[in-house]
């Protein structure tokens, strides 16, 4: 079962969703409708792309 841990929104429709699938934390990015946060999260998890925030870490 996937547990939503957090969601961040940009301009009301673009979002990044952080989830825990029972084994690891994953992030997904996608576009919602901007009307209902739960529906938008579900849409991003179904149709969004995997997002890797570690690419922004400075070494």
PDB file of N, CA and C in Angstrom:
ATOM      1  N   UNK A   1       0.839  -1.187   0.000  1.00  0.00           N
ATOM      2  CA  UNK A   1       0.000   0.000   0.000  1.00  0.00           C
ATOM      3  C   UNK A   1       0.880   1.245   0.000  1.00  0.00           C
ATOM      4  N   UNK A   2       0.528   2.200  -0.802  1.00  0.00           N
ATOM      5  CA  UNK A   2       1.296   3.439  -0.903  1.00  0.00           C
ATOM      6  C   UNK A   2       0.731   4.463   0.085  1.00  0.00           C
ATOM      7  N   UNK A   3       1.635   5.048   0.874  1.00  0.00           N
ATOM      8  CA  UNK A   3       1.250   6.088   1.823  1.00  0.00           C
ATOM      9  C   UNK A   3       1.812   7.419   1.340  1.00  0.00           C
ATOM     10  N   UNK A   4       0.946   8.404   1.146  1.00  0.00           N
ATOM     11  CA  UNK A   4       1.384   9.736   0.740  1.00  0.00           C
ATOM     12  C   UNK A   4       1.971  10.433   1.961  1.00  0.00           C
ATOM     13  N   UNK A   5       3.224  10.858   1.840  1.00  0.00           N
ATOM     14  CA  UNK A   5       3.907  11.523   2.948  1.00  0.00           C
ATOM     15  C   UNK A   5       3.828  13.037   2.861  1.00  0.00           C
ATOM     16  N   UNK A   6       3.835  13.567   1.628  1.00  0.00           N
ATOM     17  CA  UNK A   6       3.812  15.021   1.452  1.00  0.00           C
ATOM     18  C   UNK A   6       3.551  15.344  -0.006  1.00  0.00           C
ATOM     19  N   UNK A   7       3.166  16.585  -0.257  1.00  0.00           N
ATOM     20  CA  UNK A   7       2.986  17.068  -1.628  1.00  0.00           C
ATOM     21  C   UNK A   7       3.346  18.548  -1.657  1.00  0.00           C
ATOM     22  N   UNK A   8       4.036  18.948  -2.713  1.00  0.00           N
ATOM     23  CA  UNK A   8       4.414  20.344  -2.919  1.00  0.00           C
ATOM     24  C   UNK A   8       3.820  20.794  -4.242  1.00  0.00           C
ATOM     25  N   UNK A   9       3.271  22.012  -4.261  1.00  0.00           N
ATOM     26  CA  UNK A   9       2.572  22.502  -5.452  1.00  0.00           C
ATOM     27  C   UNK A   9       3.219  23.773  -5.980  1.00  0.00           C
ATOM     28  N   UNK A  10       3.289  23.852  -7.286  1.00  0.00           N
ATOM     29  CA  UNK A  10       3.819  25.019  -7.989  1.00  0.00           C
ATOM     30  C   UNK A  10       2.720  25.519  -8.907  1.00  0.00           C
ATOM     31  N   UNK A  11       2.371  26.753  -8.818  1.00  0.00           N
ATOM     32  CA  UNK A  11       1.327  27.443  -9.579  1.00  0.00           C
ATOM     33  C   UNK A  11      -0.038  26.748  -9.518  1.00  0.00           C
ATOM     34  N   UNK A  12      -0.276  25.946  -8.497  1.00  0.00           N
ATOM     35  CA  UNK A  12      -1.586  25.342  -8.295  1.00  0.00           C
ATOM     36  C   UNK A  12      -1.869  24.060  -9.050  1.00  0.00           C
ATOM     37  N   UNK A  13      -1.075  23.744 -10.069  1.00  0.00           N
ATOM     38  CA  UNK A  13      -1.365  22.534 -10.844  1.00  0.00           C
ATOM     39  C   UNK A  13      -0.191  21.575 -10.971  1.00  0.00           C
ATOM     40  N   UNK A  14       1.032  22.067 -10.912  1.00  0.00           N
ATOM     41  CA  UNK A  14       2.211  21.205 -11.014  1.00  0.00           C
ATOM     42  C   UNK A  14       2.609  20.783  -9.602  1.00  0.00           C
ATOM     43  N   UNK A  15       2.765  19.481  -9.406  1.00  0.00           N
ATOM     44  CA  UNK A  15       3.060  19.008  -8.067  1.00  0.00           C
ATOM     45  C   UNK A  15       4.101  17.912  -8.017  1.00  0.00           C
ATOM     46  N   UNK A  16       4.751  17.824  -6.861  1.00  0.00           N
ATOM     47  CA  UNK A  16       5.663  16.727  -6.546  1.00  0.00           C
ATOM     48  C   UNK A  16       5.065  16.017  -5.337  1.00  0.00           C
ATOM     49  N   UNK A  17       4.911  14.700  -5.446  1.00  0.00           N
ATOM     50  CA  UNK A  17       4.297  13.908  -4.386  1.00  0.00           C
ATOM     51  C   UNK A  17       5.336  12.938  -3.834  1.00  0.00           C
ATOM     52  N   UNK A  18       5.481  12.935  -2.515  1.00  0.00           N
ATOM     53  CA  UNK A  18       6.406  12.033  -1.821  1.00  0.00           C
ATOM     54  C   UNK A  18       5.589  10.897  -1.216  1.00  0.00           C
ATOM     55  N   UNK A  19       5.975   9.652  -1.517  1.00  0.00           N
ATOM     56  CA  UNK A  19       5.238   8.492  -1.022  1.00  0.00           C
ATOM     57  C   UNK A  19       6.183   7.461  -0.416  1.00  0.00           C
ATOM     58  N   UNK A  20       5.619   6.597   0.418  1.00  0.00           N
ATOM     59  CA  UNK A  20       6.341   5.442   0.954  1.00  0.00           C
ATOM     60  C   UNK A  20       5.563   4.206   0.539  1.00  0.00           C
ATOM     61  N   UNK A  21       6.228   3.280  -0.155  1.00  0.00           N
ATOM     62  CA  UNK A  21       5.551   2.092  -0.683  1.00  0.00           C
ATOM     63  C   UNK A  21       5.724   0.858   0.205  1.00  0.00           C
ATOM     64  N   UNK A  22       6.227   1.053   1.406  1.00  0.00           N
ATOM     65  CA  UNK A  22       6.462  -0.065   2.309  1.00  0.00           C
ATOM     66  C   UNK A  22       7.912  -0.514   2.322  1.00  0.00           C
ATOM     67  N   UNK A  23       8.668  -0.094   1.306  1.00  0.00           N
ATOM     68  CA  UNK A  23      10.075  -0.472   1.185  1.00  0.00           C
ATOM     69  C   UNK A  23      10.994   0.731   1.049  1.00  0.00           C
ATOM     70  N   UNK A  24      10.534   1.754   0.321  1.00  0.00           N
ATOM     71  CA  UNK A  24      11.373   2.929   0.078  1.00  0.00           C
ATOM     72  C   UNK A  24      10.509   4.163  -0.143  1.00  0.00           C
ATOM     73  N   UNK A  25      11.136   5.325   0.001  1.00  0.00           N
ATOM     74  CA  UNK A  25      10.481   6.598  -0.285  1.00  0.00           C
ATOM     75  C   UNK A  25      10.709   6.919  -1.756  1.00  0.00           C
ATOM     76  N   UNK A  26       9.634   7.320  -2.440  1.00  0.00           N
ATOM     77  CA  UNK A  26       9.721   7.691  -3.851  1.00  0.00           C
ATOM     78  C   UNK A  26       9.033   9.034  -4.052  1.00  0.00           C
ATOM     79  N   UNK A  27       9.415   9.705  -5.128  1.00  0.00           N
ATOM     80  CA  UNK A  27       8.824  10.984  -5.492  1.00  0.00           C
ATOM     81  C   UNK A  27       8.293  10.900  -6.917  1.00  0.00           C
ATOM     82  N   UNK A  28       7.161  11.575  -7.155  1.00  0.00           N
ATOM     83  CA  UNK A  28       6.581  11.648  -8.493  1.00  0.00           C
ATOM     84  C   UNK A  28       6.228  13.096  -8.786  1.00  0.00           C
ATOM     85  N   UNK A  29       6.381  13.494 -10.047  1.00  0.00           N
ATOM     86  CA  UNK A  29       6.047  14.846 -10.469  1.00  0.00           C
ATOM     87  C   UNK A  29       5.037  14.763 -11.602  1.00  0.00           C
ATOM     88  N   UNK A  30       4.105  15.700 -11.601  1.00  0.00           N
ATOM     89  CA  UNK A  30       3.102  15.691 -12.652  1.00  0.00           C
ATOM     90  C   UNK A  30       2.191  16.902 -12.563  1.00  0.00           C
ATOM     91  N   UNK A  31       1.140  16.853 -13.363  1.00  0.00           N
ATOM     92  CA  UNK A  31       0.201  17.966 -13.469  1.00  0.00           C
ATOM     93  C   UNK A  31      -1.172  17.512 -12.987  1.00  0.00           C
ATOM     94  N   UNK A  32      -1.787  18.334 -12.153  1.00  0.00           N
ATOM     95  CA  UNK A  32      -3.155  18.090 -11.707  1.00  0.00           C
ATOM     96  C   UNK A  32      -4.089  19.113 -12.323  1.00  0.00           C
ATOM     97  N   UNK A  33      -5.335  19.105 -11.864  1.00  0.00           N
ATOM     98  CA  UNK A  33      -6.335  20.044 -12.379  1.00  0.00           C
ATOM     99  C   UNK A  33      -6.393  21.331 -11.562  1.00  0.00           C
ATOM    100  N   UNK A  34      -5.871  21.287 -10.340  1.00  0.00           N
ATOM    101  CA  UNK A  34      -5.879  22.476  -9.498  1.00  0.00           C
ATOM    102  C   UNK A  34      -7.185  22.715  -8.765  1.00  0.00           C
ATOM    103  N   UNK A  35      -8.068  21.725  -8.725  1.00  0.00           N
ATOM    104  CA  UNK A  35      -9.365  21.882  -8.066  1.00  0.00           C
ATOM    105  C   UNK A  35      -9.477  21.080  -6.769  1.00  0.00           C
ATOM    106  N   UNK A  36      -8.893  19.887  -6.750  1.00  0.00           N
ATOM    107  CA  UNK A  36      -9.012  18.987  -5.600  1.00  0.00           C
ATOM    108  C   UNK A  36      -7.663  18.313  -5.365  1.00  0.00           C
ATOM    109  N   UNK A  37      -7.064  18.578  -4.210  1.00  0.00           N
ATOM    110  CA  UNK A  37      -5.711  18.079  -3.958  1.00  0.00           C
ATOM    111  C   UNK A  37      -5.631  16.554  -3.997  1.00  0.00           C
ATOM    112  N   UNK A  38      -6.602  15.864  -3.393  1.00  0.00           N
ATOM    113  CA  UNK A  38      -6.566  14.399  -3.390  1.00  0.00           C
ATOM    114  C   UNK A  38      -6.647  13.846  -4.815  1.00  0.00           C
ATOM    115  N   UNK A  39      -7.538  14.387  -5.636  1.00  0.00           N
ATOM    116  CA  UNK A  39      -7.644  13.945  -7.032  1.00  0.00           C
ATOM    117  C   UNK A  39      -6.344  14.215  -7.784  1.00  0.00           C
ATOM    118  N   UNK A  40      -5.747  15.370  -7.530  1.00  0.00           N
ATOM    119  CA  UNK A  40      -4.496  15.713  -8.207  1.00  0.00           C
ATOM    120  C   UNK A  40      -3.364  14.778  -7.787  1.00  0.00           C
ATOM    121  N   UNK A  41      -3.290  14.451  -6.508  1.00  0.00           N
ATOM    122  CA  UNK A  41      -2.271  13.511  -6.036  1.00  0.00           C
ATOM    123  C   UNK A  41      -2.465  12.153  -6.697  1.00  0.00           C
ATOM    124  N   UNK A  42      -3.703  11.678  -6.737  1.00  0.00           N
ATOM    125  CA  UNK A  42      -3.990  10.391  -7.382  1.00  0.00           C
ATOM    126  C   UNK A  42      -3.602  10.414  -8.857  1.00  0.00           C
ATOM    127  N   UNK A  43      -3.892  11.516  -9.540  1.00  0.00           N
ATOM    128  CA  UNK A  43      -3.546  11.640 -10.963  1.00  0.00           C
ATOM    129  C   UNK A  43      -2.034  11.616 -11.154  1.00  0.00           C
ATOM    130  N   UNK A  44      -1.300  12.329 -10.304  1.00  0.00           N
ATOM    131  CA  UNK A  44       0.159  12.363 -10.412  1.00  0.00           C
ATOM    132  C   UNK A  44       0.748  10.979 -10.142  1.00  0.00           C
ATOM    133  N   UNK A  45       0.213  10.273  -9.158  1.00  0.00           N
ATOM    134  CA  UNK A  45       0.726   8.932  -8.870  1.00  0.00           C
ATOM    135  C   UNK A  45       0.433   7.960 -10.006  1.00  0.00           C
ATOM    136  N   UNK A  46      -0.666   8.169 -10.704  1.00  0.00           N
ATOM    137  CA  UNK A  46      -1.040   7.264 -11.798  1.00  0.00           C
ATOM    138  C   UNK A  46      -0.334   7.614 -13.106  1.00  0.00           C
ATOM    139  N   UNK A  47      -0.248   8.912 -13.426  1.00  0.00           N
ATOM    140  CA  UNK A  47       0.261   9.327 -14.735  1.00  0.00           C
ATOM    141  C   UNK A  47       1.560  10.125 -14.686  1.00  0.00           C
ATOM    142  N   UNK A  48       1.994  10.514 -13.493  1.00  0.00           N
ATOM    143  CA  UNK A  48       3.188  11.344 -13.376  1.00  0.00           C
ATOM    144  C   UNK A  48       4.471  10.570 -13.625  1.00  0.00           C
ATOM    145  N   UNK A  49       5.562  11.293 -13.589  1.00  0.00           N
ATOM    146  CA  UNK A  49       6.886  10.705 -13.813  1.00  0.00           C
ATOM    147  C   UNK A  49       7.638  10.593 -12.496  1.00  0.00           C
ATOM    148  N   UNK A  50       8.482   9.594 -12.407  1.00  0.00           N
ATOM    149  CA  UNK A  50       9.337   9.438 -11.225  1.00  0.00           C
ATOM    150  C   UNK A  50      10.271  10.635 -11.154  1.00  0.00           C
ATOM    151  N   UNK A  51      10.466  11.155  -9.962  1.00  0.00           N
ATOM    152  CA  UNK A  51      11.284  12.341  -9.731  1.00  0.00           C
ATOM    153  C   UNK A  51      12.385  11.964  -8.753  1.00  0.00           C
ATOM    154  N   UNK A  52      13.607  12.408  -9.032  1.00  0.00           N
ATOM    155  CA  UNK A  52      14.766  12.080  -8.197  1.00  0.00           C
ATOM    156  C   UNK A  52      15.348  13.371  -7.619  1.00  0.00           C
ATOM    157  N   UNK A  53      14.938  13.779  -6.408  1.00  0.00           N
ATOM    158  CA  UNK A  53      15.406  15.044  -5.840  1.00  0.00           C
ATOM    159  C   UNK A  53      16.899  15.069  -5.559  1.00  0.00           C
ATOM    160  N   UNK A  54      17.533  13.896  -5.442  1.00  0.00           N
ATOM    161  CA  UNK A  54      18.967  13.876  -5.149  1.00  0.00           C
ATOM    162  C   UNK A  54      19.805  14.482  -6.273  1.00  0.00           C
ATOM    163  N   UNK A  55      19.248  14.657  -7.461  1.00  0.00           N
ATOM    164  CA  UNK A  55      20.020  15.284  -8.543  1.00  0.00           C
ATOM    165  C   UNK A  55      20.333  16.742  -8.220  1.00  0.00           C
ATOM    166  N   UNK A  56      19.613  17.320  -7.252  1.00  0.00           N
ATOM    167  CA  UNK A  56      19.846  18.708  -6.880  1.00  0.00           C
ATOM    168  C   UNK A  56      20.819  18.857  -5.713  1.00  0.00           C
ATOM    169  N   UNK A  57      21.286  17.746  -5.154  1.00  0.00           N
ATOM    170  CA  UNK A  57      22.228  17.807  -4.041  1.00  0.00           C
ATOM    171  C   UNK A  57      23.598  18.262  -4.532  1.00  0.00           C
ATOM    172  N   UNK A  58      24.199  19.176  -3.775  1.00  0.00           N
ATOM    173  CA  UNK A  58      25.515  19.698  -4.117  1.00  0.00           C
ATOM    174  C   UNK A  58      26.564  18.867  -3.384  1.00  0.00           C
ATOM    175  N   UNK A  59      27.562  18.425  -4.120  1.00  0.00           N
ATOM    176  CA  UNK A  59      28.620  17.610  -3.503  1.00  0.00           C
ATOM    177  C   UNK A  59      29.788  18.469  -3.098  1.00  0.00           C
TER     178      UNK A  59
END
